[in-house]
Amino acid sequence: MAKTRLAGMYEDGRGGMEVNLATAANLYTEAFAEGDLTASASMERSRSRSHLN
């Protein structure tokens, strides 16, 4: 669930500087707890996003 909500933040154009950092951090924490994300997958997404901005 958290993974879907987090992905939606980026797909809706609310990524980058416009993302509420506390909300994003909470969603990442929830997604890890739910087993929806792995550390390597999360870091890879962060790297690819930073290259796009």
PDB file of N, CA and C in Angstrom:
ATOM      1  N   MET A   1       0.819  -1.195   0.000  1.00  0.00           N
ATOM      2  CA  MET A   1       0.000   0.000   0.000  1.00  0.00           C
ATOM      3  C   MET A   1       0.867   1.267   0.000  1.00  0.00           C
ATOM      4  N   ALA A   2       1.827   1.324   0.909  1.00  0.00           N
ATOM      5  CA  ALA A   2       2.692   2.507   0.979  1.00  0.00           C
ATOM      6  C   ALA A   2       3.491   2.672  -0.300  1.00  0.00           C
ATOM      7  N   LYS A   3       3.950   1.555  -0.862  1.00  0.00           N
ATOM      8  CA  LYS A   3       4.723   1.614  -2.108  1.00  0.00           C
ATOM      9  C   LYS A   3       3.880   2.235  -3.216  1.00  0.00           C
ATOM     10  N   THR A   4       2.629   1.845  -3.299  1.00  0.00           N
ATOM     11  CA  THR A   4       1.726   2.383  -4.312  1.00  0.00           C
ATOM     12  C   THR A   4       1.503   3.872  -4.102  1.00  0.00           C
ATOM     13  N   ARG A   5       1.294   4.287  -2.866  1.00  0.00           N
ATOM     14  CA  ARG A   5       1.090   5.710  -2.574  1.00  0.00           C
ATOM     15  C   ARG A   5       2.338   6.512  -2.883  1.00  0.00           C
ATOM     16  N   LEU A   6       3.503   5.962  -2.562  1.00  0.00           N
ATOM     17  CA  LEU A   6       4.758   6.659  -2.835  1.00  0.00           C
ATOM     18  C   LEU A   6       4.984   6.797  -4.333  1.00  0.00           C
ATOM     19  N   ALA A   7       4.750   5.725  -5.078  1.00  0.00           N
ATOM     20  CA  ALA A   7       4.892   5.784  -6.531  1.00  0.00           C
ATOM     21  C   ALA A   7       3.928   6.812  -7.116  1.00  0.00           C
ATOM     22  N   GLY A   8       2.733   6.888  -6.579  1.00  0.00           N
ATOM     23  CA  GLY A   8       1.741   7.846  -7.047  1.00  0.00           C
ATOM     24  C   GLY A   8       2.182   9.282  -6.875  1.00  0.00           C
ATOM     25  N   MET A   9       2.938   9.559  -5.816  1.00  0.00           N
ATOM     26  CA  MET A   9       3.436  10.916  -5.598  1.00  0.00           C
ATOM     27  C   MET A   9       4.321  11.346  -6.756  1.00  0.00           C
ATOM     28  N   TYR A  10       5.136  10.437  -7.264  1.00  0.00           N
ATOM     29  CA  TYR A  10       6.033  10.764  -8.367  1.00  0.00           C
ATOM     30  C   TYR A  10       5.291  10.779  -9.695  1.00  0.00           C
ATOM     31  N   GLU A  11       4.373   9.840  -9.886  1.00  0.00           N
ATOM     32  CA  GLU A  11       3.640   9.760 -11.148  1.00  0.00           C
ATOM     33  C   GLU A  11       2.719  10.958 -11.337  1.00  0.00           C
ATOM     34  N   ASP A  12       2.225  11.504 -10.240  1.00  0.00           N
ATOM     35  CA  ASP A  12       1.323  12.651 -10.316  1.00  0.00           C
ATOM     36  C   ASP A  12       2.069  13.972 -10.468  1.00  0.00           C
ATOM     37  N   GLY A  13       3.388  13.896 -10.601  1.00  0.00           N
ATOM     38  CA  GLY A  13       4.161  15.116 -10.775  1.00  0.00           C
ATOM     39  C   GLY A  13       4.474  15.832  -9.482  1.00  0.00           C
ATOM     40  N   ARG A  14       4.308  15.141  -8.369  1.00  0.00           N
ATOM     41  CA  ARG A  14       4.598  15.759  -7.078  1.00  0.00           C
ATOM     42  C   ARG A  14       5.959  15.317  -6.559  1.00  0.00           C
ATOM     43  N   GLY A  15       6.820  14.889  -7.446  1.00  0.00           N
ATOM     44  CA  GLY A  15       8.151  14.436  -7.052  1.00  0.00           C
ATOM     45  C   GLY A  15       9.107  15.597  -6.880  1.00  0.00           C
ATOM     46  N   GLY A  16      10.342  15.266  -6.631  1.00  0.00           N
ATOM     47  CA  GLY A  16      11.372  16.288  -6.493  1.00  0.00           C
ATOM     48  C   GLY A  16      11.159  17.177  -5.295  1.00  0.00           C
ATOM     49  N   MET A  17      11.401  18.451  -5.478  1.00  0.00           N
ATOM     50  CA  MET A  17      11.343  19.400  -4.371  1.00  0.00           C
ATOM     51  C   MET A  17       9.922  19.601  -3.851  1.00  0.00           C
ATOM     52  N   GLU A  18       8.927  19.225  -4.625  1.00  0.00           N
ATOM     53  CA  GLU A  18       7.550  19.467  -4.217  1.00  0.00           C
ATOM     54  C   GLU A  18       7.015  18.403  -3.270  1.00  0.00           C
ATOM     55  N   VAL A  19       7.723  17.294  -3.135  1.00  0.00           N
ATOM     56  CA  VAL A  19       7.269  16.224  -2.248  1.00  0.00           C
ATOM     57  C   VAL A  19       7.452  16.657  -0.803  1.00  0.00           C
ATOM     58  N   ASN A  20       6.429  16.466  -0.007  1.00  0.00           N
ATOM     59  CA  ASN A  20       6.549  16.688   1.423  1.00  0.00           C
ATOM     60  C   ASN A  20       7.494  15.624   1.954  1.00  0.00           C
ATOM     61  N   LEU A  21       8.672  16.041   2.404  1.00  0.00           N
ATOM     62  CA  LEU A  21       9.709  15.084   2.784  1.00  0.00           C
ATOM     63  C   LEU A  21       9.297  14.197   3.943  1.00  0.00           C
ATOM     64  N   ALA A  22       8.547  14.714   4.889  1.00  0.00           N
ATOM     65  CA  ALA A  22       8.093  13.896   6.009  1.00  0.00           C
ATOM     66  C   ALA A  22       7.153  12.803   5.516  1.00  0.00           C
ATOM     67  N   THR A  23       6.263  13.151   4.597  1.00  0.00           N
ATOM     68  CA  THR A  23       5.337  12.170   4.042  1.00  0.00           C
ATOM     69  C   THR A  23       6.091  11.104   3.265  1.00  0.00           C
ATOM     70  N   ALA A  24       7.033  11.527   2.439  1.00  0.00           N
ATOM     71  CA  ALA A  24       7.812  10.567   1.659  1.00  0.00           C
ATOM     72  C   ALA A  24       8.607   9.642   2.571  1.00  0.00           C
ATOM     73  N   ALA A  25       9.213  10.186   3.611  1.00  0.00           N
ATOM     74  CA  ALA A  25       9.988   9.364   4.548  1.00  0.00           C
ATOM     75  C   ALA A  25       9.092   8.352   5.243  1.00  0.00           C
ATOM     76  N   ASN A  26       7.911   8.776   5.650  1.00  0.00           N
ATOM     77  CA  ASN A  26       6.973   7.858   6.298  1.00  0.00           C
ATOM     78  C   ASN A  26       6.542   6.752   5.349  1.00  0.00           C
ATOM     79  N   LEU A  27       6.289   7.096   4.093  1.00  0.00           N
ATOM     80  CA  LEU A  27       5.869   6.090   3.122  1.00  0.00           C
ATOM     81  C   LEU A  27       6.987   5.098   2.839  1.00  0.00           C
ATOM     82  N   TYR A  28       8.225   5.577   2.735  1.00  0.00           N
ATOM     83  CA  TYR A  28       9.355   4.665   2.546  1.00  0.00           C
ATOM     84  C   TYR A  28       9.468   3.716   3.732  1.00  0.00           C
ATOM     85  N   THR A  29       9.323   4.262   4.952  1.00  0.00           N
ATOM     86  CA  THR A  29       9.406   3.434   6.157  1.00  0.00           C
ATOM     87  C   THR A  29       8.319   2.371   6.148  1.00  0.00           C
ATOM     88  N   GLU A  30       7.090   2.757   5.809  1.00  0.00           N
ATOM     89  CA  GLU A  30       5.983   1.805   5.733  1.00  0.00           C
ATOM     90  C   GLU A  30       6.244   0.746   4.671  1.00  0.00           C
ATOM     91  N   ALA A  31       6.741   1.172   3.521  1.00  0.00           N
ATOM     92  CA  ALA A  31       6.984   0.231   2.428  1.00  0.00           C
ATOM     93  C   ALA A  31       8.051  -0.792   2.821  1.00  0.00           C
ATOM     94  N   PHE A  32       9.117  -0.346   3.490  1.00  0.00           N
ATOM     95  CA  PHE A  32      10.135  -1.285   3.969  1.00  0.00           C
ATOM     96  C   PHE A  32       9.516  -2.260   4.961  1.00  0.00           C
ATOM     97  N   ALA A  33       8.709  -1.749   5.891  1.00  0.00           N
ATOM     98  CA  ALA A  33       8.082  -2.590   6.907  1.00  0.00           C
ATOM     99  C   ALA A  33       7.138  -3.612   6.274  1.00  0.00           C
ATOM    100  N   GLU A  34       6.470  -3.213   5.206  1.00  0.00           N
ATOM    101  CA  GLU A  34       5.548  -4.112   4.513  1.00  0.00           C
ATOM    102  C   GLU A  34       6.284  -5.086   3.600  1.00  0.00           C
ATOM    103  N   GLY A  35       7.596  -4.895   3.449  1.00  0.00           N
ATOM    104  CA  GLY A  35       8.372  -5.778   2.582  1.00  0.00           C
ATOM    105  C   GLY A  35       8.222  -5.450   1.112  1.00  0.00           C
ATOM    106  N   ASP A  36       7.695  -4.261   0.802  1.00  0.00           N
ATOM    107  CA  ASP A  36       7.475  -3.875  -0.593  1.00  0.00           C
ATOM    108  C   ASP A  36       8.720  -3.329  -1.269  1.00  0.00           C
ATOM    109  N   LEU A  37       9.700  -2.928  -0.488  1.00  0.00           N
ATOM    110  CA  LEU A  37      10.915  -2.354  -1.058  1.00  0.00           C
ATOM    111  C   LEU A  37      12.128  -3.078  -0.499  1.00  0.00           C
ATOM    112  N   THR A  38      13.148  -3.141  -1.294  1.00  0.00           N
ATOM    113  CA  THR A  38      14.434  -3.613  -0.799  1.00  0.00           C
ATOM    114  C   THR A  38      15.383  -2.428  -0.808  1.00  0.00           C
ATOM    115  N   ALA A  39      16.412  -2.497  -0.017  1.00  0.00           N
ATOM    116  CA  ALA A  39      17.356  -1.380   0.053  1.00  0.00           C
ATOM    117  C   ALA A  39      17.971  -1.106  -1.308  1.00  0.00           C
ATOM    118  N   SER A  40      18.348  -2.151  -2.028  1.00  0.00           N
ATOM    119  CA  SER A  40      18.997  -1.937  -3.322  1.00  0.00           C
ATOM    120  C   SER A  40      18.032  -1.333  -4.335  1.00  0.00           C
ATOM    121  N   ALA A  41      16.791  -1.777  -4.340  1.00  0.00           N
ATOM    122  CA  ALA A  41      15.808  -1.228  -5.273  1.00  0.00           C
ATOM    123  C   ALA A  41      15.522   0.234  -4.952  1.00  0.00           C
ATOM    124  N   SER A  42      15.424   0.554  -3.672  1.00  0.00           N
ATOM    125  CA  SER A  42      15.160   1.925  -3.266  1.00  0.00           C
ATOM    126  C   SER A  42      16.312   2.843  -3.649  1.00  0.00           C
ATOM    127  N   MET A  43      17.535   2.392  -3.417  1.00  0.00           N
ATOM    128  CA  MET A  43      18.694   3.213  -3.753  1.00  0.00           C
ATOM    129  C   MET A  43      18.804   3.398  -5.260  1.00  0.00           C
ATOM    130  N   GLU A  44      18.484   2.372  -6.015  1.00  0.00           N
ATOM    131  CA  GLU A  44      18.541   2.475  -7.475  1.00  0.00           C
ATOM    132  C   GLU A  44      17.524   3.502  -7.971  1.00  0.00           C
ATOM    133  N   ARG A  45      16.320   3.483  -7.410  1.00  0.00           N
ATOM    134  CA  ARG A  45      15.303   4.461  -7.805  1.00  0.00           C
ATOM    135  C   ARG A  45      15.756   5.871  -7.449  1.00  0.00           C
ATOM    136  N   SER A  46      16.359   6.025  -6.275  1.00  0.00           N
ATOM    137  CA  SER A  46      16.840   7.346  -5.869  1.00  0.00           C
ATOM    138  C   SER A  46      17.900   7.855  -6.828  1.00  0.00           C
ATOM    139  N   ARG A  47      18.819   6.984  -7.224  1.00  0.00           N
ATOM    140  CA  ARG A  47      19.871   7.395  -8.158  1.00  0.00           C
ATOM    141  C   ARG A  47      19.272   7.775  -9.502  1.00  0.00           C
ATOM    142  N   SER A  48      18.336   6.978  -9.995  1.00  0.00           N
ATOM    143  CA  SER A  48      17.776   7.274 -11.315  1.00  0.00           C
ATOM    144  C   SER A  48      16.950   8.554 -11.268  1.00  0.00           C
ATOM    145  N   ARG A  49      16.252   8.794 -10.177  1.00  0.00           N
ATOM    146  CA  ARG A  49      15.462  10.021 -10.034  1.00  0.00           C
ATOM    147  C   ARG A  49      16.374  11.242  -9.972  1.00  0.00           C
ATOM    148  N   SER A  50      17.489  11.139  -9.247  1.00  0.00           N
ATOM    149  CA  SER A  50      18.368  12.300  -9.112  1.00  0.00           C
ATOM    150  C   SER A  50      18.993  12.672 -10.448  1.00  0.00           C
ATOM    151  N   HIS A  51      19.190  11.709 -11.327  1.00  0.00           N
ATOM    152  CA  HIS A  51      19.737  12.009 -12.648  1.00  0.00           C
ATOM    153  C   HIS A  51      18.698  12.677 -13.546  1.00  0.00           C
ATOM    154  N   LEU A  52      17.426  12.452 -13.258  1.00  0.00           N
ATOM    155  CA  LEU A  52      16.364  13.031 -14.081  1.00  0.00           C
ATOM    156  C   LEU A  52      16.088  14.484 -13.711  1.00  0.00           C
ATOM    157  N   ASN A  53      16.388  14.858 -12.474  1.00  0.00           N
ATOM    158  CA  ASN A  53      16.059  16.218 -12.009  1.00  0.00           C
ATOM    159  C   ASN A  53      17.078  17.218 -12.452  1.00  0.00           C
TER     160      ASN A  53
END
